[in-house]
Amino acid sequence: MPSTFNLPIVGANNSSAVMSSASSVSSTSPPDHLTLAVLGCGSMGIAILSGILKELSEMDAPRPLQVVTSSASVSSLSALYSSHASTGAAATSSGASAGVASAAARNDMPERLPTHFLACVRRPEAAKRLRAALWAHSSVVKVVVDDNVAAVQQAGVALLACQASEAAALLSSPGMARALQGKMLISICEGVTTEQIESYLYGEDPASSALTTTAPATATSPKEARCRVVRAMPNAASLIGESMTVVDTSSATGPLPADAAALVTWIFRRIGSVVHHPSRGAGAGAGTRALTTVDRVAASSAAACTALGAAGPAFFALVLEAAIDGAVAMGLPRAEAQLLAAQSMRGAAGLVLQNGEHPALLRDRISSPGGCAIQGLLALEEGGVRSTVARAVREATAIAVQEGK
């Protein structure tokens, strides 16, 4: 691999090196650029970065010429150019500017897109893996080895992508709370709640944390001075851009602003689909009992989103494996059985997603009188597959509720 494509690695515990690397990013781009720091950039972090970088590259690619065939087309094209002109000032720097202008009319487009990236890892071996995975984007991606605080200081948004067991040590590092002050921290750590994250950063009593006692006095309250934590739960299909990410919009610092929500949505749509879960307690205003009821339902609903979105692929993998085994038992080679079963499952999911119809309609269309489909379906019903799968989701939801406490 040519050395000119190697990602710079700044490292271990060398704060000045990290600062210098990050400063070099900002010195070559307009002051309104947005830097994203990925803390614990493992497989999931690489998948998210790859999705973002691919999208930015496509935004910056030359567009085909528009062919105008009618006066209506002329009008619509003029409107498009007008929209570009009015939103051009809000476009981000360098690679993303053209793409932002072309898509600025979309409601879900944030005001600023991340254009520079700091990928943080603990070990040189992980840095080498990052360099190999993202070498084509070395101009905008810098690898930081064992210096998370300095990277966060240079970033506008941080993505916590480390293992859950590493979150406490990472977030409680000296200076991390101050580095995150006033910024957004997006966490994809499974099983680590917002309350735990705030505890790692600010201690059990955030109001009396080191941040609020040592920071210069300002007009803002201690809670407002803290970072805004947003939890998101992508699943394993992120690696191929087919994730189902659940974003929890609840926050100790109040409702998530529209532009922040748009940025979070934009990031995770680069690796698949996104759903938002509403804030806990939303809509409850009839006293403590009503609030408690709404909170309980909201917590269960959020846990169900996590269970189905994150654990769902494991459930479907088991069903897929069973179908493959059945075909192998009837004499089909395993490789062929796996291809047939996986493509059939993919096709069924695609039809439901594309048409938005109930799966029962798809099942009925396939089940011709006396055919093989109806016979197989009856065997599944006799085996209690429907109730067993539903119970699996309920059990997973119960565990997710406990993890959220």
Foldseek 3Di string as FASTA:
>chain_A
DDPVLFAAEADDVPLVSLLVVLVVLCVVKDPPAAEEEEAACDLLNLLLVVLQVVVLQVLQDDDDDDDDDDVVSVVVVVVLVVQLVVLQVLAGIDSNSNSCSNCVVDLLAFSHAHQAYEYEDADVVVSVVSRVSRSVPSSRYHYYYHDVLSNLLSGQEYEYDREPVCLLVVQLPPNNFVSQWQHEYEYQHPLQAPQNSCCSNANNDNQPGPCNVVPDDDPDHSLNRTHWYKYKHWAPQLSVLATEIEIEQATPSDGDDSSRVSRVQVSSNSSHHYDYQYYQQPPDDDDDVSSVVSNVVSLLVSLLCNLCRHVVVVVVVVVLVVQLVVVVVVPDPSVVSSVVSVVVVVVLVVVCVVVVDDSVVVLVVVDDPPDPSVVVVVVCVVVVVVVVVVVSSVVSSVVSSVSND
